[in-house]
C-alpha cells in the first residue's frame, strides 16, 4: 500500500513517520516549503489543552489531557 501526505509540517511528518514505522506503508511526503517549517513554525500547536476547550466541554478536555499524557513517550520515540 502507498500513501501520499501533503504538507510536511510537524503533523504531516509525525503521521508519515508513524504510518511508515507502525504499518510499513510506503509514504511519500510533499511539501512546497522547508520540511518541518511553514505553518508549524508559526502556529506551533496549542500551548495547553485547556486553552482550546470551552467551559463544560469535558469530553474534549479529557481527550486533550490524554494526548498530553502520551507526549513524553511520543517525543522519546
PDB file of N, CA and C in Angstrom:
ATOM      1  N   UNK A   1       0.847  -1.173   0.000  1.00  0.00           N
ATOM      2  CA  UNK A   1       0.000   0.000   0.000  1.00  0.00           C
ATOM      3  C   UNK A   1       0.893   1.237   0.000  1.00  0.00           C
ATOM      4  N   UNK A   2       0.454   2.257  -0.742  1.00  0.00           N
ATOM      5  CA  UNK A   2       1.192   3.512  -0.794  1.00  0.00           C
ATOM      6  C   UNK A   2       0.278   4.651  -0.350  1.00  0.00           C
ATOM      7  N   UNK A   3       0.869   5.636   0.293  1.00  0.00           N
ATOM      8  CA  UNK A   3       0.125   6.793   0.786  1.00  0.00           C
ATOM      9  C   UNK A   3       0.884   8.060   0.454  1.00  0.00           C
ATOM     10  N   UNK A   4       0.138   9.109   0.140  1.00  0.00           N
ATOM     11  CA  UNK A   4       0.712  10.433  -0.085  1.00  0.00           C
ATOM     12  C   UNK A   4       0.238  11.344   1.036  1.00  0.00           C
ATOM     13  N   UNK A   5       1.158  12.086   1.620  1.00  0.00           N
ATOM     14  CA  UNK A   5       0.820  13.094   2.620  1.00  0.00           C
ATOM     15  C   UNK A   5       1.257  14.433   2.060  1.00  0.00           C
ATOM     16  N   UNK A   6       0.322  15.365   2.015  1.00  0.00           N
ATOM     17  CA  UNK A   6       0.608  16.698   1.510  1.00  0.00           C
ATOM     18  C   UNK A   6       0.747  17.628   2.695  1.00  0.00           C
ATOM     19  N   UNK A   7       1.870  18.248   2.810  1.00  0.00           N
ATOM     20  CA  UNK A   7       2.258  19.191   3.862  1.00  0.00           C
ATOM     21  C   UNK A   7       3.192  18.504   4.850  1.00  0.00           C
ATOM     22  N   UNK A   8       4.409  18.982   4.888  1.00  0.00           N
ATOM     23  CA  UNK A   8       5.442  18.376   5.720  1.00  0.00           C
ATOM     24  C   UNK A   8       5.767  19.189   6.948  1.00  0.00           C
ATOM     25  N   UNK A   9       4.717  19.686   7.610  1.00  0.00           N
ATOM     26  CA  UNK A   9       4.921  20.335   8.899  1.00  0.00           C
ATOM     27  C   UNK A   9       5.013  19.274   9.981  1.00  0.00           C
ATOM     28  N   UNK A  10       4.943  19.693  11.203  1.00  0.00           N
ATOM     29  CA  UNK A  10       5.051  18.757  12.329  1.00  0.00           C
ATOM     30  C   UNK A  10       4.003  17.651  12.240  1.00  0.00           C
ATOM     31  N   UNK A  11       2.753  18.007  11.975  1.00  0.00           N
ATOM     32  CA  UNK A  11       1.691  16.989  11.910  1.00  0.00           C
ATOM     33  C   UNK A  11       1.937  16.018  10.764  1.00  0.00           C
ATOM     34  N   UNK A  12       2.233  16.538   9.575  1.00  0.00           N
ATOM     35  CA  UNK A  12       2.484  15.663   8.430  1.00  0.00           C
ATOM     36  C   UNK A  12       3.673  14.755   8.638  1.00  0.00           C
ATOM     37  N   UNK A  13       4.743  15.291   9.211  1.00  0.00           N
ATOM     38  CA  UNK A  13       5.929  14.476   9.486  1.00  0.00           C
ATOM     39  C   UNK A  13       5.625  13.367  10.489  1.00  0.00           C
ATOM     40  N   UNK A  14       4.891  13.705  11.531  1.00  0.00           N
ATOM     41  CA  UNK A  14       4.549  12.697  12.551  1.00  0.00           C
ATOM     42  C   UNK A  14       3.678  11.598  11.964  1.00  0.00           C
ATOM     43  N   UNK A  15       2.680  11.986  11.165  1.00  0.00           N
ATOM     44  CA  UNK A  15       1.808  10.985  10.547  1.00  0.00           C
ATOM     45  C   UNK A  15       2.618  10.101   9.607  1.00  0.00           C
ATOM     46  N   UNK A  16       3.466  10.706   8.778  1.00  0.00           N
ATOM     47  CA  UNK A  16       4.276   9.931   7.846  1.00  0.00           C
ATOM     48  C   UNK A  16       5.187   8.956   8.591  1.00  0.00           C
ATOM     49  N   UNK A  17       5.843   9.437   9.616  1.00  0.00           N
ATOM     50  CA  UNK A  17       6.769   8.604  10.393  1.00  0.00           C
ATOM     51  C   UNK A  17       6.042   7.408  11.003  1.00  0.00           C
ATOM     52  N   UNK A  18       4.950   7.670  11.685  1.00  0.00           N
ATOM     53  CA  UNK A  18       4.253   6.596  12.391  1.00  0.00           C
ATOM     54  C   UNK A  18       3.554   5.638  11.431  1.00  0.00           C
ATOM     55  N   UNK A  19       2.997   6.158  10.342  1.00  0.00           N
ATOM     56  CA  UNK A  19       2.401   5.262   9.346  1.00  0.00           C
ATOM     57  C   UNK A  19       3.444   4.300   8.803  1.00  0.00           C
ATOM     58  N   UNK A  20       4.586   4.839   8.467  1.00  0.00           N
ATOM     59  CA  UNK A  20       5.656   4.018   7.901  1.00  0.00           C
ATOM     60  C   UNK A  20       6.193   3.019   8.921  1.00  0.00           C
ATOM     61  N   UNK A  21       6.461   3.496  10.118  1.00  0.00           N
ATOM     62  CA  UNK A  21       7.080   2.652  11.143  1.00  0.00           C
ATOM     63  C   UNK A  21       6.126   1.591  11.677  1.00  0.00           C
ATOM     64  N   UNK A  22       4.898   1.970  11.959  1.00  0.00           N
ATOM     65  CA  UNK A  22       3.964   1.041  12.617  1.00  0.00           C
ATOM     66  C   UNK A  22       3.259   0.103  11.644  1.00  0.00           C
ATOM     67  N   UNK A  23       3.089   0.532  10.380  1.00  0.00           N
ATOM     68  CA  UNK A  23       2.306  -0.280   9.449  1.00  0.00           C
ATOM     69  C   UNK A  23       3.101  -0.750   8.245  1.00  0.00           C
ATOM     70  N   UNK A  24       4.273  -0.141   8.017  1.00  0.00           N
ATOM     71  CA  UNK A  24       5.071  -0.496   6.857  1.00  0.00           C
ATOM     72  C   UNK A  24       4.566   0.102   5.557  1.00  0.00           C
ATOM     73  N   UNK A  25       3.583   0.994   5.650  1.00  0.00           N
ATOM     74  CA  UNK A  25       3.039   1.639   4.456  1.00  0.00           C
ATOM     75  C   UNK A  25       4.121   2.519   3.834  1.00  0.00           C
ATOM     76  N   UNK A  26       4.212   2.477   2.512  1.00  0.00           N
ATOM     77  CA  UNK A  26       5.156   3.308   1.761  1.00  0.00           C
ATOM     78  C   UNK A  26       4.583   4.723   1.691  1.00  0.00           C
ATOM     79  N   UNK A  27       5.250   5.679   2.323  1.00  0.00           N
ATOM     80  CA  UNK A  27       4.745   7.047   2.426  1.00  0.00           C
ATOM     81  C   UNK A  27       5.591   7.991   1.578  1.00  0.00           C
ATOM     82  N   UNK A  28       4.917   8.815   0.776  1.00  0.00           N
ATOM     83  CA  UNK A  28       5.565   9.899   0.051  1.00  0.00           C
ATOM     84  C   UNK A  28       5.028  11.198   0.615  1.00  0.00           C
ATOM     85  N   UNK A  29       5.924  12.091   1.002  1.00  0.00           N
ATOM     86  CA  UNK A  29       5.550  13.359   1.626  1.00  0.00           C
ATOM     87  C   UNK A  29       5.858  14.498   0.659  1.00  0.00           C
ATOM     88  N   UNK A  30       4.879  15.366   0.450  1.00  0.00           N
ATOM     89  CA  UNK A  30       5.064  16.545  -0.399  1.00  0.00           C
ATOM     90  C   UNK A  30       4.997  17.797   0.453  1.00  0.00           C
ATOM     91  N   UNK A  31       5.957  18.689   0.266  1.00  0.00           N
ATOM     92  CA  UNK A  31       5.999  19.968   0.987  1.00  0.00           C
ATOM     93  C   UNK A  31       6.573  21.017   0.045  1.00  0.00           C
ATOM     94  N   UNK A  32       5.889  22.147  -0.089  1.00  0.00           N
ATOM     95  CA  UNK A  32       6.347  23.197  -1.007  1.00  0.00           C
ATOM     96  C   UNK A  32       7.387  24.116  -0.371  1.00  0.00           C
ATOM     97  N   UNK A  33       7.480  24.082   0.936  1.00  0.00           N
ATOM     98  CA  UNK A  33       8.440  24.929   1.650  1.00  0.00           C
ATOM     99  C   UNK A  33       9.523  24.032   2.255  1.00  0.00           C
ATOM    100  N   UNK A  34      10.167  24.499   3.293  1.00  0.00           N
ATOM    101  CA  UNK A  34      11.168  23.704   4.002  1.00  0.00           C
ATOM    102  C   UNK A  34      10.452  22.705   4.910  1.00  0.00           C
ATOM    103  N   UNK A  35      10.874  21.455   4.862  1.00  0.00           N
ATOM    104  CA  UNK A  35      10.262  20.415   5.702  1.00  0.00           C
ATOM    105  C   UNK A  35      10.316  20.841   7.172  1.00  0.00           C
ATOM    106  N   UNK A  36       9.173  20.664   7.874  1.00  0.00           N
ATOM    107  CA  UNK A  36       9.097  20.971   9.299  1.00  0.00           C
ATOM    108  C   UNK A  36       8.941  22.449   9.615  1.00  0.00           C
ATOM    109  N   UNK A  37       8.740  23.268   8.616  1.00  0.00           N
ATOM    110  CA  UNK A  37       8.604  24.717   8.839  1.00  0.00           C
ATOM    111  C   UNK A  37       7.182  25.164   8.493  1.00  0.00           C
ATOM    112  N   UNK A  38       7.078  26.186   7.665  1.00  0.00           N
ATOM    113  CA  UNK A  38       5.790  26.747   7.224  1.00  0.00           C
ATOM    114  C   UNK A  38       4.844  26.964   8.400  1.00  0.00           C
ATOM    115  N   UNK A  39       3.654  26.365   8.374  1.00  0.00           N
ATOM    116  CA  UNK A  39       2.693  26.625   9.452  1.00  0.00           C
ATOM    117  C   UNK A  39       3.173  26.124  10.802  1.00  0.00           C
ATOM    118  N   UNK A  40       3.944  25.047  10.835  1.00  0.00           N
ATOM    119  CA  UNK A  40       4.459  24.562  12.116  1.00  0.00           C
ATOM    120  C   UNK A  40       5.314  25.624  12.792  1.00  0.00           C
ATOM    121  N   UNK A  41       6.023  26.373  12.002  1.00  0.00           N
ATOM    122  CA  UNK A  41       6.890  27.424  12.520  1.00  0.00           C
ATOM    123  C   UNK A  41       6.085  28.597  13.082  1.00  0.00           C
ATOM    124  N   UNK A  42       4.863  28.754  12.612  1.00  0.00           N
ATOM    125  CA  UNK A  42       4.033  29.879  13.047  1.00  0.00           C
ATOM    126  C   UNK A  42       2.998  29.485  14.094  1.00  0.00           C
ATOM    127  N   UNK A  43       2.295  28.397  13.858  1.00  0.00           N
ATOM    128  CA  UNK A  43       1.223  28.001  14.768  1.00  0.00           C
ATOM    129  C   UNK A  43       1.748  27.256  15.994  1.00  0.00           C
ATOM    130  N   UNK A  44       2.687  26.354  15.787  1.00  0.00           N
ATOM    131  CA  UNK A  44       3.358  25.610  16.854  1.00  0.00           C
ATOM    132  C   UNK A  44       2.437  24.810  17.760  1.00  0.00           C
ATOM    133  N   UNK A  45       1.221  24.608  17.387  1.00  0.00           N
ATOM    134  CA  UNK A  45       0.313  23.803  18.195  1.00  0.00           C
ATOM    135  C   UNK A  45      -0.225  24.569  19.394  1.00  0.00           C
ATOM    136  N   UNK A  46      -1.043  23.894  20.166  1.00  0.00           N
ATOM    137  CA  UNK A  46      -1.612  24.582  21.322  1.00  0.00           C
ATOM    138  C   UNK A  46      -0.633  24.590  22.494  1.00  0.00           C
ATOM    139  N   UNK A  47      -0.765  25.595  23.324  1.00  0.00           N
ATOM    140  CA  UNK A  47       0.133  25.748  24.463  1.00  0.00           C
ATOM    141  C   UNK A  47      -0.287  24.829  25.601  1.00  0.00           C
ATOM    142  N   UNK A  48      -1.558  24.779  25.883  1.00  0.00           N
ATOM    143  CA  UNK A  48      -2.082  23.862  26.906  1.00  0.00           C
ATOM    144  C   UNK A  48      -3.395  23.284  26.405  1.00  0.00           C
ATOM    145  N   UNK A  49      -3.741  22.089  26.823  1.00  0.00           N
ATOM    146  CA  UNK A  49      -5.025  21.533  26.390  1.00  0.00           C
ATOM    147  C   UNK A  49      -6.198  22.445  26.743  1.00  0.00           C
ATOM    148  N   UNK A  50      -6.151  23.075  27.895  1.00  0.00           N
ATOM    149  CA  UNK A  50      -7.279  23.893  28.350  1.00  0.00           C
ATOM    150  C   UNK A  50      -7.492  25.144  27.506  1.00  0.00           C
ATOM    151  N   UNK A  51      -6.470  25.601  26.789  1.00  0.00           N
ATOM    152  CA  UNK A  51      -6.618  26.831  26.018  1.00  0.00           C
ATOM    153  C   UNK A  51      -7.515  26.654  24.795  1.00  0.00           C
ATOM    154  N   UNK A  52      -7.822  25.432  24.412  1.00  0.00           N
ATOM    155  CA  UNK A  52      -8.633  25.161  23.230  1.00  0.00           C
ATOM    156  C   UNK A  52     -10.029  24.645  23.574  1.00  0.00           C
ATOM    157  N   UNK A  53     -10.374  24.570  24.841  1.00  0.00           N
ATOM    158  CA  UNK A  53     -11.635  23.965  25.257  1.00  0.00           C
ATOM    159  C   UNK A  53     -12.553  25.023  25.863  1.00  0.00           C
ATOM    160  N   UNK A  54     -13.828  24.959  25.479  1.00  0.00           N
ATOM    161  CA  UNK A  54     -14.820  25.847  26.082  1.00  0.00           C
ATOM    162  C   UNK A  54     -15.309  25.239  27.403  1.00  0.00           C
ATOM    163  N   UNK A  55     -15.673  26.074  28.336  1.00  0.00           N
ATOM    164  CA  UNK A  55     -16.166  25.631  29.636  1.00  0.00           C
ATOM    165  C   UNK A  55     -17.292  24.621  29.455  1.00  0.00           C
ATOM    166  N   UNK A  56     -17.181  23.499  30.111  1.00  0.00           N
ATOM    167  CA  UNK A  56     -18.206  22.464  30.059  1.00  0.00           C
ATOM    168  C   UNK A  56     -17.975  21.394  28.998  1.00  0.00           C
ATOM    169  N   UNK A  57     -16.963  21.539  28.183  1.00  0.00           N
ATOM    170  CA  UNK A  57     -16.682  20.549  27.143  1.00  0.00           C
ATOM    171  C   UNK A  57     -15.743  19.486  27.716  1.00  0.00           C
ATOM    172  N   UNK A  58     -16.287  18.697  28.635  1.00  0.00           N
ATOM    173  CA  UNK A  58     -15.486  17.734  29.394  1.00  0.00           C
ATOM    174  C   UNK A  58     -14.896  16.617  28.534  1.00  0.00           C
ATOM    175  N   UNK A  59     -15.622  16.159  27.520  1.00  0.00           N
ATOM    176  CA  UNK A  59     -15.102  15.080  26.681  1.00  0.00           C
ATOM    177  C   UNK A  59     -13.871  15.540  25.887  1.00  0.00           C
ATOM    178  N   UNK A  60     -13.940  16.740  25.344  1.00  0.00           N
ATOM    179  CA  UNK A  60     -12.802  17.257  24.586  1.00  0.00           C
ATOM    180  C   UNK A  60     -11.612  17.491  25.508  1.00  0.00           C
ATOM    181  N   UNK A  61     -11.869  18.027  26.696  1.00  0.00           N
ATOM    182  CA  UNK A  61     -10.789  18.256  27.649  1.00  0.00           C
ATOM    183  C   UNK A  61     -10.131  16.937  28.050  1.00  0.00           C
ATOM    184  N   UNK A  62     -10.933  15.905  28.240  1.00  0.00           N
ATOM    185  CA  UNK A  62     -10.383  14.594  28.599  1.00  0.00           C
ATOM    186  C   UNK A  62      -9.518  14.040  27.465  1.00  0.00           C
ATOM    187  N   UNK A  63      -9.957  14.234  26.214  1.00  0.00           N
ATOM    188  CA  UNK A  63      -9.166  13.767  25.069  1.00  0.00           C
ATOM    189  C   UNK A  63      -7.848  14.528  24.973  1.00  0.00           C
ATOM    190  N   UNK A  64      -7.890  15.849  25.168  1.00  0.00           N
ATOM    191  CA  UNK A  64      -6.658  16.646  25.134  1.00  0.00           C
ATOM    192  C   UNK A  64      -5.712  16.252  26.261  1.00  0.00           C
ATOM    193  N   UNK A  65      -6.261  16.012  27.441  1.00  0.00           N
ATOM    194  CA  UNK A  65      -5.420  15.623  28.583  1.00  0.00           C
ATOM    195  C   UNK A  65      -4.784  14.247  28.339  1.00  0.00           C
ATOM    196  N   UNK A  66      -5.527  13.336  27.725  1.00  0.00           N
ATOM    197  CA  UNK A  66      -4.976  12.018  27.414  1.00  0.00           C
ATOM    198  C   UNK A  66      -3.840  12.139  26.399  1.00  0.00           C
ATOM    199  N   UNK A  67      -4.015  13.004  25.397  1.00  0.00           N
ATOM    200  CA  UNK A  67      -2.955  13.227  24.411  1.00  0.00           C
ATOM    201  C   UNK A  67      -1.721  13.834  25.077  1.00  0.00           C
ATOM    202  N   UNK A  68      -1.955  14.778  25.981  1.00  0.00           N
ATOM    203  CA  UNK A  68      -0.837  15.391  26.713  1.00  0.00           C
ATOM    204  C   UNK A  68      -0.064  14.338  27.500  1.00  0.00           C
ATOM    205  N   UNK A  69      -0.766  13.400  28.092  1.00  0.00           N
ATOM    206  CA  UNK A  69      -0.113  12.367  28.891  1.00  0.00           C
ATOM    207  C   UNK A  69       0.726  11.408  28.050  1.00  0.00           C
ATOM    208  N   UNK A  70       0.459  11.331  26.753  1.00  0.00           N
ATOM    209  CA  UNK A  70       1.227  10.470  25.853  1.00  0.00           C
ATOM    210  C   UNK A  70       2.440  11.180  25.266  1.00  0.00           C
ATOM    211  N   UNK A  71       2.548  12.479  25.463  1.00  0.00           N
ATOM    212  CA  UNK A  71       3.542  13.303  24.782  1.00  0.00           C
ATOM    213  C   UNK A  71       4.984  12.869  25.067  1.00  0.00           C
ATOM    214  N   UNK A  72       5.332  12.641  26.308  1.00  0.00           N
ATOM    215  CA  UNK A  72       6.716  12.292  26.641  1.00  0.00           C
ATOM    216  C   UNK A  72       7.169  11.011  25.928  1.00  0.00           C
ATOM    217  N   UNK A  73       6.309   9.997  25.910  1.00  0.00           N
ATOM    218  CA  UNK A  73       6.656   8.756  25.212  1.00  0.00           C
ATOM    219  C   UNK A  73       6.778   9.008  23.708  1.00  0.00           C
ATOM    220  N   UNK A  74       5.890   9.831  23.160  1.00  0.00           N
ATOM    221  CA  UNK A  74       5.910  10.152  21.738  1.00  0.00           C
ATOM    222  C   UNK A  74       7.225  10.838  21.360  1.00  0.00           C
ATOM    223  N   UNK A  75       7.635  11.816  22.120  1.00  0.00           N
ATOM    224  CA  UNK A  75       8.878  12.538  21.830  1.00  0.00           C
ATOM    225  C   UNK A  75      10.078  11.616  22.025  1.00  0.00           C
ATOM    226  N   UNK A  76      10.029  10.784  23.044  1.00  0.00           N
ATOM    227  CA  UNK A  76      11.125   9.863  23.297  1.00  0.00           C
ATOM    228  C   UNK A  76      11.333   8.860  22.174  1.00  0.00           C
ATOM    229  N   UNK A  77      10.245   8.491  21.532  1.00  0.00           N
ATOM    230  CA  UNK A  77      10.330   7.541  20.431  1.00  0.00           C
ATOM    231  C   UNK A  77      10.974   8.190  19.233  1.00  0.00           C
TER     232      UNK A  77
END
